[in-house]
Amino acid sequence: MVSKAEKRQMVSYVVHQLEESSLYAVENVEEDRVIVSTKTAVIPQKIKVLAIHSKIGRKELEAHQNQAIRDRELVAPIFYKDGKDFFVLLADVEAMRSEKSLKKYSPHEIHQMTSLRGLEKDVFDFTKPTLTYYQPKTERLEEGVRTFDMNEVHLDYSHLRPGDQGYDFARNGGSEKYKLPAEIQATIDSKLIIEPTRGSFARIKKQ
């Protein structure tokens, strides 16, 4: 579970990066969101940067989306990359360690795969092909906001035969849940910018 101090650090880091970009005016800061407006547009665009550092339900996400539509805002979600609630590696999901449907991939690729949680899948529908995560500082990684291309994982159930358990439900093709992330951007040495995607959502990029 992410501690209160870790949640505060996430929000503080995001605020600092937004201010450093010189593109946004920070209007309000709460424990799970940062409200900013663009400085360069003729008509400023208000953006809610949503710090998702703990599990929230689909209804809460929909509430943010509906409010954004009413207020003509954008919602830019950032997940806390803790490997437990979000950015869960497939190798850490015990039931998937011997998943035969991934036979097209090397052990190294499977080790890199993630198993999207429900909220990540909901956000991905609007921000695909990317998802954005806050990376806390660890022994191996620097603190930063990292954006990943969540590449499709293709499932192959050719090992199943009629009568095998799961045969009637198995479908070859792209998985909605499993992704092979490839980092494309990090804010360790750059600044945050935000661009619209689908609906009222936006994605984080580097300047």
N, C-alpha and C. Protein backbone atom coordinates (compact mmCIF):
# COMPACT_ATOMS: atom_id res chain seq x y z
N MET A 1 0.84 -1.19 0.00
CA MET A 1 0.00 0.00 0.00
C MET A 1 0.88 1.25 0.00
N VAL A 2 0.52 2.21 -0.81
CA VAL A 2 1.27 3.46 -0.89
C VAL A 2 0.97 4.31 0.34
N SER A 3 2.01 4.77 1.03
CA SER A 3 1.83 5.54 2.25
C SER A 3 1.38 6.97 1.93
N LYS A 4 0.90 7.67 2.96
CA LYS A 4 0.49 9.06 2.77
C LYS A 4 1.66 9.92 2.32
N ALA A 5 2.85 9.66 2.90
CA ALA A 5 4.04 10.43 2.52
C ALA A 5 4.39 10.20 1.06
N GLU A 6 4.26 8.96 0.59
CA GLU A 6 4.56 8.64 -0.80
C GLU A 6 3.54 9.29 -1.74
N LYS A 7 2.29 9.33 -1.32
CA LYS A 7 1.26 9.99 -2.13
C LYS A 7 1.55 11.49 -2.24
N ARG A 8 1.94 12.09 -1.12
CA ARG A 8 2.26 13.53 -1.14
C ARG A 8 3.46 13.81 -2.03
N GLN A 9 4.45 12.91 -1.98
CA GLN A 9 5.64 13.11 -2.81
C GLN A 9 5.30 13.01 -4.29
N MET A 10 4.42 12.09 -4.64
CA MET A 10 3.98 11.97 -6.04
C MET A 10 3.37 13.28 -6.52
N VAL A 11 2.42 13.80 -5.75
CA VAL A 11 1.73 15.04 -6.15
C VAL A 11 2.72 16.20 -6.19
N SER A 12 3.60 16.28 -5.20
CA SER A 12 4.60 17.35 -5.15
C SER A 12 5.51 17.32 -6.37
N TYR A 13 5.92 16.12 -6.77
CA TYR A 13 6.80 15.98 -7.94
C TYR A 13 6.07 16.44 -9.20
N VAL A 14 4.83 16.02 -9.36
CA VAL A 14 4.05 16.39 -10.54
C VAL A 14 3.86 17.90 -10.60
N VAL A 15 3.54 18.52 -9.47
CA VAL A 15 3.38 19.98 -9.42
C VAL A 15 4.66 20.67 -9.85
N HIS A 16 5.78 20.21 -9.32
CA HIS A 16 7.07 20.82 -9.66
C HIS A 16 7.35 20.72 -11.16
N GLN A 17 7.10 19.56 -11.74
CA GLN A 17 7.36 19.37 -13.16
C GLN A 17 6.45 20.24 -14.02
N LEU A 18 5.20 20.38 -13.62
CA LEU A 18 4.27 21.23 -14.37
C LEU A 18 4.69 22.69 -14.30
N GLU A 19 5.11 23.13 -13.13
CA GLU A 19 5.56 24.51 -12.98
C GLU A 19 6.84 24.76 -13.77
N GLU A 20 7.73 23.79 -13.78
CA GLU A 20 9.00 23.93 -14.49
C GLU A 20 8.80 24.01 -16.00
N SER A 21 7.72 23.44 -16.50
CA SER A 21 7.48 23.46 -17.94
C SER A 21 7.18 24.85 -18.46
N SER A 22 6.72 25.75 -17.58
CA SER A 22 6.34 27.13 -17.94
C SER A 22 5.13 27.19 -18.86
N LEU A 23 4.47 26.06 -19.05
CA LEU A 23 3.31 26.01 -19.93
C LEU A 23 1.99 26.07 -19.18
N TYR A 24 2.04 25.82 -17.86
CA TYR A 24 0.82 25.67 -17.10
C TYR A 24 0.84 26.52 -15.83
N ALA A 25 -0.32 27.05 -15.50
CA ALA A 25 -0.50 27.76 -14.23
C ALA A 25 -1.22 26.81 -13.28
N VAL A 26 -0.59 26.52 -12.16
CA VAL A 26 -1.20 25.62 -11.17
C VAL A 26 -2.25 26.40 -10.39
N GLU A 27 -3.50 25.94 -10.45
CA GLU A 27 -4.61 26.64 -9.82
C GLU A 27 -5.01 26.03 -8.48
N ASN A 28 -4.88 24.72 -8.38
CA ASN A 28 -5.31 24.05 -7.14
C ASN A 28 -4.60 22.71 -7.01
N VAL A 29 -4.24 22.36 -5.78
CA VAL A 29 -3.56 21.10 -5.51
C VAL A 29 -4.30 20.38 -4.39
N GLU A 30 -4.70 19.13 -4.66
CA GLU A 30 -5.32 18.29 -3.64
C GLU A 30 -4.53 16.99 -3.56
N GLU A 31 -4.94 16.11 -2.66
CA GLU A 31 -4.14 14.90 -2.42
C GLU A 31 -4.16 13.93 -3.60
N ASP A 32 -5.14 14.05 -4.49
CA ASP A 32 -5.20 13.13 -5.62
C ASP A 32 -5.36 13.83 -6.96
N ARG A 33 -5.11 15.13 -7.01
CA ARG A 33 -5.25 15.83 -8.29
C ARG A 33 -4.53 17.18 -8.25
N VAL A 34 -4.17 17.62 -9.45
CA VAL A 34 -3.58 18.95 -9.62
C VAL A 34 -4.35 19.63 -10.75
N ILE A 35 -4.94 20.77 -10.47
CA ILE A 35 -5.70 21.50 -11.48
C ILE A 35 -4.80 22.58 -12.06
N VAL A 36 -4.63 22.55 -13.38
CA VAL A 36 -3.81 23.56 -14.04
C VAL A 36 -4.58 24.14 -15.22
N SER A 37 -4.08 25.26 -15.73
CA SER A 37 -4.62 25.84 -16.96
C SER A 37 -3.45 26.21 -17.86
N THR A 38 -3.67 26.10 -19.14
CA THR A 38 -2.60 26.40 -20.10
C THR A 38 -2.33 27.90 -20.14
N LYS A 39 -1.06 28.23 -20.30
CA LYS A 39 -0.67 29.65 -20.35
C LYS A 39 -0.62 30.20 -21.77
N THR A 40 -0.40 29.33 -22.74
CA THR A 40 -0.11 29.81 -24.09
C THR A 40 -1.34 29.93 -24.98
N ALA A 41 -2.43 29.25 -24.63
CA ALA A 41 -3.63 29.29 -25.47
C ALA A 41 -4.36 30.62 -25.32
N VAL A 42 -5.02 31.05 -26.41
CA VAL A 42 -5.82 32.28 -26.36
C VAL A 42 -6.92 32.12 -25.32
N ILE A 43 -7.58 30.96 -25.36
CA ILE A 43 -8.55 30.61 -24.33
C ILE A 43 -7.92 29.50 -23.50
N PRO A 44 -7.54 29.78 -22.25
CA PRO A 44 -6.85 28.77 -21.44
C PRO A 44 -7.66 27.48 -21.30
N GLN A 45 -6.97 26.36 -21.44
CA GLN A 45 -7.59 25.05 -21.26
C GLN A 45 -7.31 24.56 -19.85
N LYS A 46 -8.37 24.24 -19.13
CA LYS A 46 -8.19 23.71 -17.78
C LYS A 46 -7.99 22.21 -17.85
N ILE A 47 -7.05 21.70 -17.04
CA ILE A 47 -6.70 20.28 -17.05
C ILE A 47 -6.64 19.77 -15.62
N LYS A 48 -7.27 18.62 -15.40
CA LYS A 48 -7.18 17.95 -14.11
C LYS A 48 -6.18 16.80 -14.24
N VAL A 49 -5.01 16.96 -13.65
CA VAL A 49 -4.01 15.89 -13.63
C VAL A 49 -4.37 14.99 -12.45
N LEU A 50 -4.81 13.79 -12.75
CA LEU A 50 -5.33 12.88 -11.74
C LEU A 50 -4.22 11.96 -11.25
N ALA A 51 -3.86 12.08 -9.98
CA ALA A 51 -2.81 11.24 -9.38
C ALA A 51 -3.47 9.98 -8.82
N ILE A 52 -3.38 8.88 -9.58
CA ILE A 52 -4.02 7.64 -9.16
C ILE A 52 -3.00 6.82 -8.38
N HIS A 53 -2.95 7.06 -7.08
CA HIS A 53 -1.97 6.38 -6.23
C HIS A 53 -2.63 5.32 -5.33
N SER A 54 -3.91 5.11 -5.51
CA SER A 54 -4.61 4.04 -4.81
C SER A 54 -5.79 3.62 -5.67
N LYS A 55 -6.33 2.46 -5.38
CA LYS A 55 -7.42 1.94 -6.20
C LYS A 55 -8.67 2.82 -6.07
N ILE A 56 -9.24 3.14 -7.21
CA ILE A 56 -10.54 3.81 -7.24
C ILE A 56 -11.44 3.02 -8.16
N GLY A 57 -12.74 3.14 -7.99
CA GLY A 57 -13.67 2.38 -8.80
C GLY A 57 -13.92 3.02 -10.15
N ARG A 58 -14.49 2.24 -11.04
CA ARG A 58 -14.83 2.75 -12.37
C ARG A 58 -15.81 3.92 -12.27
N LYS A 59 -16.73 3.85 -11.31
CA LYS A 59 -17.71 4.94 -11.15
C LYS A 59 -17.02 6.25 -10.81
N GLU A 60 -15.96 6.19 -10.00
CA GLU A 60 -15.24 7.41 -9.64
C GLU A 60 -14.53 7.98 -10.86
N LEU A 61 -13.94 7.10 -11.67
CA LEU A 61 -13.29 7.57 -12.90
C LEU A 61 -14.32 8.19 -13.83
N GLU A 62 -15.48 7.56 -13.95
CA GLU A 62 -16.54 8.10 -14.80
C GLU A 62 -17.02 9.45 -14.28
N ALA A 63 -17.04 9.61 -12.96
CA ALA A 63 -17.45 10.89 -12.38
C ALA A 63 -16.47 12.00 -12.76
N HIS A 64 -15.16 11.69 -12.73
CA HIS A 64 -14.16 12.66 -13.16
C HIS A 64 -14.37 13.01 -14.63
N GLN A 65 -14.65 11.99 -15.44
CA GLN A 65 -14.85 12.20 -16.87
C GLN A 65 -16.09 13.05 -17.13
N ASN A 66 -17.18 12.73 -16.46
CA ASN A 66 -18.43 13.48 -16.68
C ASN A 66 -18.29 14.93 -16.23
N GLN A 67 -17.60 15.14 -15.11
CA GLN A 67 -17.38 16.51 -14.65
C GLN A 67 -16.52 17.28 -15.64
N ALA A 68 -15.51 16.60 -16.19
CA ALA A 68 -14.64 17.24 -17.17
C ALA A 68 -15.42 17.66 -18.41
N ILE A 69 -16.35 16.81 -18.83
CA ILE A 69 -17.18 17.15 -19.99
C ILE A 69 -18.05 18.37 -19.68
N ARG A 70 -18.65 18.38 -18.50
CA ARG A 70 -19.51 19.51 -18.11
C ARG A 70 -18.70 20.81 -18.02
N ASP A 71 -17.49 20.71 -17.46
CA ASP A 71 -16.67 21.91 -17.23
C ASP A 71 -15.73 22.21 -18.39
N ARG A 72 -15.80 21.39 -19.45
CA ARG A 72 -14.92 21.55 -20.61
C ARG A 72 -13.45 21.49 -20.21
N GLU A 73 -13.16 20.53 -19.35
CA GLU A 73 -11.79 20.28 -18.90
C GLU A 73 -11.24 19.03 -19.58
N LEU A 74 -9.96 18.80 -19.39
CA LEU A 74 -9.33 17.54 -19.76
C LEU A 74 -8.91 16.81 -18.49
N VAL A 75 -8.89 15.48 -18.57
CA VAL A 75 -8.42 14.65 -17.46
C VAL A 75 -7.16 13.93 -17.92
N ALA A 76 -6.05 14.11 -17.17
CA ALA A 76 -4.78 13.48 -17.51
C ALA A 76 -4.36 12.56 -16.37
N PRO A 77 -4.63 11.25 -16.48
CA PRO A 77 -4.33 10.33 -15.38
C PRO A 77 -2.85 9.93 -15.34
N ILE A 78 -2.31 9.84 -14.12
CA ILE A 78 -0.97 9.30 -13.88
C ILE A 78 -1.11 8.24 -12.79
N PHE A 79 -0.68 7.02 -13.09
CA PHE A 79 -0.74 5.93 -12.12
C PHE A 79 0.54 5.87 -11.29
N TYR A 80 0.41 5.45 -10.04
CA TYR A 80 1.57 5.23 -9.17
C TYR A 80 2.15 3.85 -9.51
N LYS A 81 3.38 3.82 -9.93
CA LYS A 81 4.02 2.58 -10.40
C LYS A 81 4.63 1.83 -9.21
N ASP A 82 3.77 1.08 -8.52
CA ASP A 82 4.24 0.34 -7.35
C ASP A 82 4.37 -1.16 -7.61
N GLY A 83 3.86 -1.63 -8.76
CA GLY A 83 3.96 -3.05 -9.08
C GLY A 83 2.97 -3.92 -8.32
N LYS A 84 2.12 -3.30 -7.51
CA LYS A 84 1.15 -4.05 -6.72
C LYS A 84 -0.28 -3.73 -7.14
N ASP A 85 -0.61 -2.45 -7.12
CA ASP A 85 -1.93 -2.03 -7.60
C ASP A 85 -1.91 -1.71 -9.08
N PHE A 86 -0.77 -1.16 -9.55
CA PHE A 86 -0.64 -0.76 -10.95
C PHE A 86 0.75 -1.14 -11.46
N PHE A 87 0.82 -1.34 -12.77
CA PHE A 87 2.04 -1.83 -13.43
C PHE A 87 2.47 -3.15 -12.78
N VAL A 88 1.52 -4.08 -12.76
CA VAL A 88 1.77 -5.40 -12.18
C VAL A 88 2.40 -6.29 -13.24
N LEU A 89 3.59 -6.78 -12.95
CA LEU A 89 4.29 -7.64 -13.90
C LEU A 89 3.61 -9.00 -13.98
N LEU A 90 3.51 -9.51 -15.20
CA LEU A 90 2.88 -10.81 -15.41
C LEU A 90 3.63 -11.90 -14.64
N ALA A 91 4.95 -11.76 -14.53
CA ALA A 91 5.76 -12.75 -13.83
C ALA A 91 5.42 -12.82 -12.35
N ASP A 92 4.79 -11.75 -11.82
CA ASP A 92 4.42 -11.73 -10.40
C ASP A 92 3.02 -12.29 -10.16
N VAL A 93 2.32 -12.62 -11.25
CA VAL A 93 0.99 -13.23 -11.13
C VAL A 93 1.18 -14.73 -11.22
N GLU A 94 1.07 -15.40 -10.08
CA GLU A 94 1.44 -16.82 -9.99
C GLU A 94 0.74 -17.67 -11.03
N ALA A 95 -0.54 -17.39 -11.28
CA ALA A 95 -1.32 -18.22 -12.20
C ALA A 95 -0.81 -18.12 -13.63
N MET A 96 0.00 -17.08 -13.94
CA MET A 96 0.43 -16.87 -15.32
C MET A 96 1.86 -17.34 -15.59
N ARG A 97 2.53 -17.85 -14.59
CA ARG A 97 3.95 -18.18 -14.76
C ARG A 97 4.18 -19.29 -15.78
N SER A 98 3.17 -20.14 -15.97
CA SER A 98 3.31 -21.22 -16.94
C SER A 98 2.27 -21.09 -18.06
N GLU A 99 1.88 -19.85 -18.37
CA GLU A 99 0.84 -19.61 -19.38
C GLU A 99 1.33 -20.03 -20.76
N LYS A 100 0.73 -21.09 -21.30
CA LYS A 100 1.17 -21.64 -22.58
C LYS A 100 0.73 -20.78 -23.76
N SER A 101 -0.25 -19.92 -23.58
CA SER A 101 -0.73 -19.10 -24.69
C SER A 101 0.29 -18.03 -25.09
N LEU A 102 1.36 -17.87 -24.31
CA LEU A 102 2.41 -16.89 -24.62
C LEU A 102 3.60 -17.54 -25.29
N LYS A 103 3.39 -18.66 -25.94
CA LYS A 103 4.48 -19.45 -26.49
C LYS A 103 5.28 -18.71 -27.57
N LYS A 104 4.70 -17.66 -28.16
CA LYS A 104 5.40 -16.91 -29.20
C LYS A 104 6.47 -15.98 -28.64
N TYR A 105 6.50 -15.82 -27.32
CA TYR A 105 7.39 -14.84 -26.69
C TYR A 105 8.51 -15.52 -25.92
N SER A 106 9.63 -14.84 -25.86
CA SER A 106 10.78 -15.35 -25.12
C SER A 106 10.54 -15.17 -23.62
N PRO A 107 11.26 -15.92 -22.78
CA PRO A 107 11.14 -15.72 -21.32
C PRO A 107 11.44 -14.28 -20.92
N HIS A 108 12.38 -13.63 -21.60
CA HIS A 108 12.71 -12.23 -21.28
C HIS A 108 11.52 -11.32 -21.57
N GLU A 109 10.85 -11.54 -22.70
CA GLU A 109 9.68 -10.71 -23.05
C GLU A 109 8.54 -10.94 -22.07
N ILE A 110 8.31 -12.19 -21.70
CA ILE A 110 7.23 -12.50 -20.76
C ILE A 110 7.51 -11.85 -19.42
N HIS A 111 8.77 -11.81 -19.02
CA HIS A 111 9.15 -11.20 -17.74
C HIS A 111 8.86 -9.70 -17.75
N GLN A 112 8.85 -9.08 -18.93
CA GLN A 112 8.59 -7.64 -19.04
C GLN A 112 7.11 -7.31 -19.14
N MET A 113 6.28 -8.29 -19.41
CA MET A 113 4.86 -8.04 -19.63
C MET A 113 4.15 -7.60 -18.36
N THR A 114 3.11 -6.80 -18.55
CA THR A 114 2.27 -6.38 -17.43
C THR A 114 0.86 -6.94 -17.61
N SER A 115 0.19 -7.08 -16.49
CA SER A 115 -1.21 -7.51 -16.47
C SER A 115 -2.04 -6.33 -16.00
N LEU A 116 -2.71 -5.66 -16.93
CA LEU A 116 -3.43 -4.43 -16.60
C LEU A 116 -4.55 -4.69 -15.60
N ARG A 117 -4.64 -3.82 -14.60
CA ARG A 117 -5.77 -3.85 -13.67
C ARG A 117 -6.97 -3.18 -14.36
N GLY A 118 -8.14 -3.34 -13.77
CA GLY A 118 -9.36 -2.82 -14.39
C GLY A 118 -9.30 -1.34 -14.69
N LEU A 119 -8.79 -0.55 -13.75
CA LEU A 119 -8.73 0.90 -13.95
C LEU A 119 -7.75 1.27 -15.05
N GLU A 120 -6.64 0.54 -15.13
CA GLU A 120 -5.67 0.80 -16.21
C GLU A 120 -6.32 0.51 -17.57
N LYS A 121 -7.09 -0.56 -17.65
CA LYS A 121 -7.76 -0.87 -18.91
C LYS A 121 -8.77 0.21 -19.29
N ASP A 122 -9.49 0.71 -18.29
CA ASP A 122 -10.47 1.77 -18.56
C ASP A 122 -9.80 3.03 -19.10
N VAL A 123 -8.69 3.43 -18.47
CA VAL A 123 -7.97 4.62 -18.92
C VAL A 123 -7.33 4.37 -20.29
N PHE A 124 -6.79 3.17 -20.49
CA PHE A 124 -6.12 2.83 -21.74
C PHE A 124 -7.06 2.96 -22.94
N ASP A 125 -8.34 2.70 -22.72
CA ASP A 125 -9.31 2.84 -23.81
C ASP A 125 -9.31 4.26 -24.37
N PHE A 126 -8.94 5.24 -23.54
CA PHE A 126 -8.95 6.64 -23.97
C PHE A 126 -7.56 7.18 -24.32
N THR A 127 -6.51 6.58 -23.76
CA THR A 127 -5.16 7.12 -23.97
C THR A 127 -4.29 6.22 -24.84
N LYS A 128 -4.84 5.11 -25.34
CA LYS A 128 -4.03 4.17 -26.12
C LYS A 128 -3.35 4.89 -27.27
N PRO A 129 -2.13 4.51 -27.58
CA PRO A 129 -1.44 3.29 -27.14
C PRO A 129 -0.56 3.46 -25.91
N THR A 130 -0.76 4.53 -25.13
CA THR A 130 0.15 4.78 -24.01
C THR A 130 -0.56 4.80 -22.66
N LEU A 131 0.22 4.56 -21.61
CA LEU A 131 -0.18 4.82 -20.23
C LEU A 131 0.98 5.53 -19.55
N THR A 132 0.66 6.37 -18.56
CA THR A 132 1.68 7.16 -17.88
C THR A 132 1.71 6.81 -16.40
N TYR A 133 2.93 6.70 -15.87
CA TYR A 133 3.13 6.28 -14.48
C TYR A 133 4.11 7.22 -13.77
N TYR A 134 3.86 7.41 -12.49
CA TYR A 134 4.84 8.07 -11.62
C TYR A 134 5.75 7.00 -11.05
N GLN A 135 7.05 7.16 -11.27
CA GLN A 135 8.05 6.23 -10.76
C GLN A 135 8.69 6.80 -9.50
N PRO A 136 8.42 6.21 -8.32
CA PRO A 136 9.12 6.68 -7.12
C PRO A 136 10.59 6.31 -7.19
N LYS A 137 11.41 7.02 -6.47
CA LYS A 137 12.84 6.73 -6.45
C LYS A 137 13.09 5.40 -5.75
N THR A 138 13.90 4.56 -6.38
CA THR A 138 14.30 3.28 -5.80
C THR A 138 15.81 3.15 -5.89
N GLU A 139 16.34 2.03 -5.42
CA GLU A 139 17.78 1.81 -5.53
C GLU A 139 18.22 1.77 -6.98
N ARG A 140 17.34 1.35 -7.86
CA ARG A 140 17.71 1.17 -9.27
C ARG A 140 17.21 2.28 -10.18
N LEU A 141 16.10 2.93 -9.81
CA LEU A 141 15.46 3.89 -10.71
C LEU A 141 15.32 5.25 -10.05
N GLU A 142 15.48 6.30 -10.86
CA GLU A 142 15.30 7.66 -10.40
C GLU A 142 13.82 8.02 -10.39
N GLU A 143 13.47 8.98 -9.57
CA GLU A 143 12.10 9.48 -9.55
C GLU A 143 11.78 10.13 -10.89
N GLY A 144 10.58 9.91 -11.38
CA GLY A 144 10.20 10.52 -12.65
C GLY A 144 8.80 10.14 -13.06
N VAL A 145 8.31 10.77 -14.10
CA VAL A 145 7.05 10.40 -14.73
C VAL A 145 7.40 9.72 -16.05
N ARG A 146 6.95 8.49 -16.21
CA ARG A 146 7.35 7.68 -17.36
C ARG A 146 6.12 7.30 -18.19
N THR A 147 6.25 7.47 -19.49
CA THR A 147 5.18 7.12 -20.41
C THR A 147 5.61 5.90 -21.21
N PHE A 148 4.71 4.92 -21.30
CA PHE A 148 5.00 3.66 -21.99
C PHE A 148 4.03 3.44 -23.14
N ASP A 149 4.57 2.94 -24.26
CA ASP A 149 3.74 2.32 -25.28
C ASP A 149 3.36 0.95 -24.74
N MET A 150 2.07 0.69 -24.63
CA MET A 150 1.61 -0.61 -24.12
C MET A 150 1.30 -1.50 -25.32
N ASN A 151 2.34 -2.18 -25.79
CA ASN A 151 2.23 -2.96 -27.01
C ASN A 151 1.36 -4.20 -26.81
N GLU A 152 0.65 -4.54 -27.87
CA GLU A 152 -0.29 -5.66 -27.81
C GLU A 152 0.45 -6.99 -27.64
N VAL A 153 -0.13 -7.86 -26.84
CA VAL A 153 0.37 -9.22 -26.66
C VAL A 153 -0.60 -10.17 -27.36
N HIS A 154 -0.06 -11.01 -28.23
CA HIS A 154 -0.89 -11.93 -29.00
C HIS A 154 -0.90 -13.31 -28.34
N LEU A 155 -2.10 -13.80 -28.07
CA LEU A 155 -2.26 -15.10 -27.42
C LEU A 155 -2.41 -16.19 -28.47
N ASP A 156 -1.82 -17.34 -28.19
CA ASP A 156 -1.85 -18.48 -29.11
C ASP A 156 -2.29 -19.71 -28.32
N TYR A 157 -3.50 -20.18 -28.61
CA TYR A 157 -4.05 -21.34 -27.90
C TYR A 157 -4.00 -22.61 -28.75
N SER A 158 -3.05 -22.68 -29.67
CA SER A 158 -2.97 -23.83 -30.57
C SER A 158 -2.65 -25.13 -29.83
N HIS A 159 -2.22 -25.02 -28.58
CA HIS A 159 -1.92 -26.23 -27.80
C HIS A 159 -3.18 -26.91 -27.28
N LEU A 160 -4.31 -26.21 -27.33
CA LEU A 160 -5.56 -26.80 -26.84
C LEU A 160 -6.23 -27.64 -27.92
N ARG A 161 -6.87 -28.70 -27.49
CA ARG A 161 -7.59 -29.59 -28.39
C ARG A 161 -9.04 -29.70 -27.92
N PRO A 162 -9.96 -30.08 -28.83
CA PRO A 162 -11.36 -30.25 -28.41
C PRO A 162 -11.45 -31.16 -27.19
N GLY A 163 -12.21 -30.70 -26.22
CA GLY A 163 -12.34 -31.46 -24.98
C GLY A 163 -11.44 -30.97 -23.88
N ASP A 164 -10.37 -30.21 -24.24
CA ASP A 164 -9.48 -29.65 -23.21
C ASP A 164 -10.21 -28.57 -22.43
N GLN A 165 -9.85 -28.42 -21.17
CA GLN A 165 -10.43 -27.37 -20.35
C GLN A 165 -10.12 -26.00 -20.95
N GLY A 166 -11.14 -25.19 -21.14
CA GLY A 166 -10.96 -23.85 -21.68
C GLY A 166 -11.00 -23.77 -23.19
N TYR A 167 -11.09 -24.91 -23.88
CA TYR A 167 -11.04 -24.91 -25.35
C TYR A 167 -12.17 -24.07 -25.94
N ASP A 168 -13.38 -24.19 -25.40
CA ASP A 168 -14.54 -23.51 -25.97
C ASP A 168 -14.47 -21.99 -25.81
N PHE A 169 -13.63 -21.51 -24.88
CA PHE A 169 -13.56 -20.08 -24.62
C PHE A 169 -12.28 -19.44 -25.15
N ALA A 170 -11.33 -20.28 -25.56
CA ALA A 170 -10.03 -19.76 -26.00
C ALA A 170 -10.15 -19.08 -27.36
N ARG A 171 -9.56 -17.91 -27.49
CA ARG A 171 -9.57 -17.16 -28.75
C ARG A 171 -8.16 -16.63 -29.01
N ASN A 172 -7.60 -17.00 -30.15
CA ASN A 172 -6.30 -16.46 -30.52
C ASN A 172 -6.44 -14.97 -30.84
N GLY A 173 -5.35 -14.23 -30.63
CA GLY A 173 -5.38 -12.81 -30.98
C GLY A 173 -4.88 -11.94 -29.85
N GLY A 174 -5.08 -10.63 -30.01
CA GLY A 174 -4.58 -9.66 -29.04
C GLY A 174 -5.30 -9.75 -27.70
N SER A 175 -4.53 -9.61 -26.63
CA SER A 175 -5.08 -9.65 -25.28
C SER A 175 -5.45 -8.23 -24.84
N GLU A 176 -6.61 -8.10 -24.20
CA GLU A 176 -7.00 -6.81 -23.64
C GLU A 176 -6.26 -6.53 -22.33
N LYS A 177 -5.81 -7.57 -21.66
CA LYS A 177 -5.26 -7.44 -20.32
C LYS A 177 -3.73 -7.41 -20.30
N TYR A 178 -3.09 -8.24 -21.10
CA TYR A 178 -1.64 -8.36 -21.06
C TYR A 178 -1.01 -7.42 -22.08
N LYS A 179 0.00 -6.69 -21.66
CA LYS A 179 0.68 -5.74 -22.53
C LYS A 179 2.19 -5.88 -22.36
N LEU A 180 2.92 -5.50 -23.41
CA LEU A 180 4.38 -5.50 -23.38
C LEU A 180 4.83 -4.05 -23.43
N PRO A 181 5.10 -3.44 -22.27
CA PRO A 181 5.41 -2.01 -22.23
C PRO A 181 6.79 -1.68 -22.77
N ALA A 182 6.86 -0.60 -23.50
CA ALA A 182 8.14 -0.07 -24.00
C ALA A 182 8.19 1.40 -23.62
N GLU A 183 9.14 1.76 -22.76
CA GLU A 183 9.21 3.15 -22.31
C GLU A 183 9.60 4.05 -23.46
N ILE A 184 8.82 5.10 -23.66
CA ILE A 184 9.11 6.03 -24.76
C ILE A 184 9.52 7.40 -24.25
N GLN A 185 9.11 7.72 -23.01
CA GLN A 185 9.42 9.06 -22.49
C GLN A 185 9.54 9.01 -20.98
N ALA A 186 10.47 9.81 -20.46
CA ALA A 186 10.60 9.96 -19.01
C ALA A 186 10.94 11.41 -18.72
N THR A 187 10.50 11.89 -17.56
CA THR A 187 10.71 13.30 -17.22
C THR A 187 11.89 13.49 -16.28
N ILE A 188 12.79 12.51 -16.23
CA ILE A 188 13.95 12.63 -15.36
C ILE A 188 14.79 13.83 -15.77
N ASP A 189 14.93 14.03 -17.07
CA ASP A 189 15.73 15.15 -17.56
C ASP A 189 14.92 16.02 -18.51
N SER A 190 13.61 16.03 -18.37
CA SER A 190 12.75 16.84 -19.23
C SER A 190 11.51 17.25 -18.45
N LYS A 191 10.62 17.98 -19.10
CA LYS A 191 9.46 18.56 -18.42
C LYS A 191 8.16 17.98 -18.97
N LEU A 192 7.11 18.12 -18.18
CA LEU A 192 5.82 17.59 -18.57
C LEU A 192 5.10 18.49 -19.56
N ILE A 193 4.49 17.86 -20.55
CA ILE A 193 3.49 18.54 -21.37
C ILE A 193 2.30 17.60 -21.48
N ILE A 194 1.15 18.15 -21.77
CA ILE A 194 -0.09 17.38 -21.80
C ILE A 194 -0.77 17.60 -23.14
N GLU A 195 -1.22 16.50 -23.78
CA GLU A 195 -1.91 16.63 -25.06
C GLU A 195 -3.21 15.85 -25.03
N PRO A 196 -4.27 16.37 -25.66
CA PRO A 196 -5.56 15.68 -25.68
C PRO A 196 -5.46 14.35 -26.43
N THR A 197 -6.30 13.39 -26.01
CA THR A 197 -6.38 12.11 -26.72
C THR A 197 -7.83 11.89 -27.17
N ARG A 198 -8.56 11.03 -26.48
CA ARG A 198 -9.95 10.75 -26.85
C ARG A 198 -10.89 11.27 -25.77
N GLY A 199 -12.07 11.66 -26.20
CA GLY A 199 -13.06 12.14 -25.25
C GLY A 199 -12.52 13.33 -24.47
N SER A 200 -12.63 13.27 -23.16
CA SER A 200 -12.14 14.36 -22.31
C SER A 200 -10.79 14.02 -21.70
N PHE A 201 -10.13 12.98 -22.22
CA PHE A 201 -8.86 12.54 -21.64
C PHE A 201 -7.67 13.15 -22.35
N ALA A 202 -6.54 13.14 -21.64
CA ALA A 202 -5.28 13.64 -22.19
C ALA A 202 -4.15 12.74 -21.71
N ARG A 203 -3.02 12.78 -22.42
CA ARG A 203 -1.86 12.00 -22.02
C ARG A 203 -0.70 12.92 -21.68
N ILE A 204 0.20 12.41 -20.87
CA ILE A 204 1.39 13.14 -20.47
C ILE A 204 2.52 12.81 -21.43
N LYS A 205 3.24 13.83 -21.84
CA LYS A 205 4.42 13.64 -22.68
C LYS A 205 5.57 14.45 -22.10
N LYS A 206 6.74 14.32 -22.70
CA LYS A 206 7.86 15.16 -22.27
C LYS A 206 8.07 16.26 -23.28
N GLN A 207 8.62 17.37 -22.80
CA GLN A 207 8.82 18.55 -23.65
C GLN A 207 10.04 18.37 -24.53
